[in-house]
Structures are given as C-alpha cells and as structure tokens.
Amino acid sequence: MNKRVIVRLLRIINKVEDWLLISMLSVMVFLAITQIFYRNVVGGGIAWIDPLLRMLVLWVALSGAVIATRTDNHIRIDVFARYVSGKYYAQIKRLVYAYCVIVCSVIAWHAMRFVRMEYEFASEAFAGIPAWVTELIIPIAFTLMAFRYALLFVSPPKRDKQ
C-alpha cells in the first residue's frame, strides 16, 4: 500500500470518527431535552433514556479520547519539553508513544475479556439491550488509541510549540 492510499484511508477514518462523535453528542442533547420535557410537562420521564444517556457519556468520552490521540492532544505532563532539545526530545517522545501503545493494548485486551464475560453471562444493560453491546466501546477505543500511538511512534509530529 502506498503512502497516498494510507493517508486517504486515515482521512476517511477521521471523518467517520468525527461524524460518529457529532451524532452521539446530538442524540445526547436531544434525549436530555426530551427527558426534561417529559418530566416537567407530562409528569414522568421515559425509563430507558437515563441509562442510555449514561452509556452515551462513556461512548462520547472514549470516542473523544480516540480523536485526541489522532493529533497527540491528550492531557500530558511534558517536563522534558522545556529542558531537552533536538534528537533527545524526539527519542523521549518515541519512548512515550511506545509506552502508550503497550498500556492501551493491555487495557484493550482486558476490556475484550471483560466484554466476552458479559456476553457469556448475558447480562442486560437496559431496555433489553445486552450489557456487552454497550461496553464494546472500551476495547474498540483502546485498540484504536494503541493504533494511533503506534502511528505516532513510527511518524512522530514535529516538536510542540512553546
């Protein structure tokens, strides 16, 4: 696969991620307004909206983390940025990216084990939806973050501006 195809594929993936996040946020706002309306006007809420909103918060948070990883915009404490220069800084960043790949991969692996157990136990999240479906975002997001950090390890961005 040549570089142009990879870049095009990554752009498509980025757009899909962006639209999924926008869609989930829009659904959250709509459902929250609907629930408020039903509680204040009708006199009672819809039972499945609150657990769905809690699930969507998890999905939005992890989707946002994946998107932040795309451009290396995660929260970080970068002590070395002020005191280390040049090639040493790049090597430290690569070490950090490698560490992030390992940590995200381990979390993804154990999250997948957790989802598999939820599937086997057939527990229900809400409204007949299996719990494992709502938890799938955890291994998916951490796998994507590991992939993004692997890309950053292979091709790190230029030094951050101070």
Protein backbone atom coordinates (compact mmCIF):
# COMPACT_ATOMS: atom_id res chain seq x y z
CA MET A 1 0.00 0.00 0.00
CA ASN A 2 1.49 3.33 -0.94
CA LYS A 3 1.53 6.37 1.31
CA ARG A 4 -1.22 8.21 -0.60
CA VAL A 5 -3.68 5.35 -0.08
CA ILE A 6 -2.84 5.21 3.64
CA VAL A 7 -3.31 8.97 4.03
CA ARG A 8 -6.65 8.81 2.20
CA LEU A 9 -7.79 5.88 4.37
CA LEU A 10 -6.81 7.74 7.55
CA ARG A 11 -8.75 10.83 6.40
CA ILE A 12 -11.85 8.70 5.84
CA ILE A 13 -11.45 7.12 9.27
CA ASN A 14 -11.03 10.59 10.82
CA LYS A 15 -14.22 11.84 9.17
CA VAL A 16 -16.16 8.78 10.31
CA GLU A 17 -14.91 9.28 13.88
CA ASP A 18 -15.83 12.96 13.78
CA TRP A 19 -19.34 12.27 12.48
CA LEU A 20 -19.93 9.50 15.00
CA LEU A 21 -18.93 11.83 17.82
CA ILE A 22 -21.12 14.64 16.48
CA SER A 23 -24.03 12.22 16.07
CA MET A 24 -23.68 10.84 19.59
CA LEU A 25 -23.49 14.34 21.09
CA SER A 26 -26.56 15.40 19.11
CA VAL A 27 -28.51 12.35 20.27
CA MET A 28 -27.45 13.05 23.86
CA VAL A 29 -28.70 16.64 23.70
CA PHE A 30 -31.97 15.58 22.05
CA LEU A 31 -32.60 12.81 24.59
CA ALA A 32 -31.77 15.05 27.55
CA ILE A 33 -34.16 17.75 26.31
CA THR A 34 -36.82 15.12 25.65
CA GLN A 35 -36.43 13.69 29.15
CA ILE A 36 -36.65 17.15 30.72
CA PHE A 37 -39.77 17.89 28.68
CA TYR A 38 -41.46 14.63 29.67
CA ARG A 39 -40.64 15.11 33.37
CA ASN A 40 -41.79 18.72 33.54
CA VAL A 41 -44.75 18.71 31.14
CA VAL A 42 -46.05 15.14 31.02
CA GLY A 43 -45.26 14.33 34.64
CA GLY A 44 -42.91 11.40 34.18
CA GLY A 45 -39.83 10.51 32.21
CA ILE A 46 -39.05 7.72 29.79
CA ALA A 47 -37.41 4.88 31.71
CA TRP A 48 -34.70 3.95 29.21
CA ILE A 49 -33.40 7.47 28.46
CA ASP A 50 -31.30 7.91 31.63
CA PRO A 51 -29.33 4.66 31.27
CA LEU A 52 -28.90 5.35 27.55
CA LEU A 53 -27.52 8.80 28.35
CA ARG A 54 -25.06 7.29 30.85
CA MET A 55 -23.94 4.81 28.20
CA LEU A 56 -23.57 7.59 25.63
CA VAL A 57 -21.40 9.58 28.05
CA LEU A 58 -18.98 6.63 28.12
CA TRP A 59 -19.08 6.34 24.33
CA VAL A 60 -18.54 10.07 23.81
CA ALA A 61 -15.69 10.19 26.33
CA LEU A 62 -13.82 7.29 24.77
CA SER A 63 -14.52 8.49 21.23
CA GLY A 64 -13.13 11.88 22.23
CA ALA A 65 -10.05 10.18 23.63
CA VAL A 66 -9.50 8.40 20.32
CA ILE A 67 -9.85 11.68 18.44
CA ALA A 68 -7.47 13.42 20.84
CA THR A 69 -4.95 10.65 20.23
CA ARG A 70 -5.17 11.29 16.50
CA THR A 71 -3.34 14.60 16.86
CA ASP A 72 -1.46 13.79 20.08
CA ASN A 73 -3.63 16.20 22.07
CA HIS A 74 -4.14 14.11 25.16
CA ILE A 75 -3.59 15.71 28.53
CA ARG A 76 0.04 15.26 29.41
CA ILE A 77 2.75 16.48 31.69
CA ASP A 78 5.67 17.20 29.43
CA VAL A 79 8.56 18.00 31.77
CA PHE A 80 11.13 17.21 29.12
CA ALA A 81 9.84 19.69 26.54
CA ARG A 82 11.50 22.66 28.27
CA TYR A 83 14.78 21.04 29.18
CA VAL A 84 15.57 18.57 26.39
CA SER A 85 16.20 19.57 22.82
CA GLY A 86 16.60 18.10 19.38
CA LYS A 87 17.00 14.42 18.81
CA TYR A 88 16.81 13.60 22.53
CA TYR A 89 13.33 15.08 22.71
CA ALA A 90 12.24 13.03 19.71
CA GLN A 91 13.62 9.86 21.29
CA ILE A 92 11.82 10.58 24.57
CA LYS A 93 8.58 11.14 22.65
CA ARG A 94 9.06 7.81 20.88
CA LEU A 95 9.55 6.11 24.24
CA VAL A 96 6.35 7.72 25.49
CA TYR A 97 4.47 6.59 22.37
CA ALA A 98 5.79 3.03 22.77
CA TYR A 99 4.69 3.02 26.40
CA CYS A 100 1.24 4.29 25.39
CA VAL A 101 0.94 1.55 22.77
CA ILE A 102 1.71 -1.06 25.42
CA VAL A 103 -0.66 0.39 28.03
CA CYS A 104 -3.54 0.87 25.56
CA SER A 105 -3.02 -2.63 24.17
CA VAL A 106 -3.11 -4.20 27.65
CA ILE A 107 -6.27 -2.27 28.53
CA ALA A 108 -7.87 -3.26 25.21
CA TRP A 109 -7.00 -6.91 25.80
CA HIS A 110 -8.51 -6.98 29.30
CA ALA A 111 -11.51 -4.93 28.20
CA MET A 112 -12.18 -7.50 25.49
CA ARG A 113 -12.00 -10.25 28.12
CA PHE A 114 -14.49 -8.26 30.21
CA VAL A 115 -16.87 -7.84 27.26
CA ARG A 116 -16.60 -11.56 26.49
CA MET A 117 -17.55 -12.38 30.11
CA GLU A 118 -20.52 -10.01 29.90
CA TYR A 119 -21.57 -11.78 26.71
CA GLU A 120 -21.32 -15.19 28.39
CA PHE A 121 -23.30 -14.03 31.44
CA ALA A 122 -25.92 -12.45 29.15
CA SER A 123 -26.49 -9.53 31.50
CA GLU A 124 -28.79 -6.73 30.37
CA ALA A 125 -27.87 -3.04 30.36
CA PHE A 126 -31.34 -1.55 29.82
CA ALA A 127 -34.43 -1.94 27.64
CA GLY A 128 -33.41 -5.43 26.56
CA ILE A 129 -30.01 -4.32 25.25
CA PRO A 130 -27.22 -6.68 26.32
CA ALA A 131 -24.56 -5.11 28.53
CA TRP A 132 -21.74 -6.33 26.31
CA VAL A 133 -23.03 -4.20 23.42
CA THR A 134 -22.86 -1.04 25.50
CA GLU A 135 -19.36 -1.92 26.72
CA LEU A 136 -17.87 -2.68 23.30
CA ILE A 137 -16.56 0.88 23.05
CA ILE A 138 -13.93 0.16 25.71
CA PRO A 139 -11.84 -2.42 23.80
CA ILE A 140 -12.54 -0.70 20.48
CA ALA A 141 -11.41 2.72 21.74
CA PHE A 142 -8.27 1.44 23.42
CA THR A 143 -7.37 -0.62 20.34
CA LEU A 144 -7.76 2.49 18.19
CA MET A 145 -5.69 4.53 20.64
CA ALA A 146 -2.94 1.89 20.56
CA PHE A 147 -3.05 2.03 16.77
CA ARG A 148 -2.84 5.85 16.79
CA TYR A 149 0.10 5.80 19.19
CA ALA A 150 1.81 3.21 17.00
CA LEU A 151 1.39 5.60 14.06
CA LEU A 152 2.81 8.42 16.19
CA PHE A 153 5.72 6.16 17.18
CA VAL A 154 6.50 5.44 13.52
CA SER A 155 6.00 9.02 12.38
CA PRO A 156 6.14 11.45 15.33
CA PRO A 157 4.91 15.03 14.86
CA LYS A 158 7.33 17.92 14.90
CA ARG A 159 8.31 19.40 18.26
CA ASP A 160 5.45 21.10 20.12
CA LYS A 161 5.43 24.88 20.05
CA GLN A 162 6.10 26.51 23.40
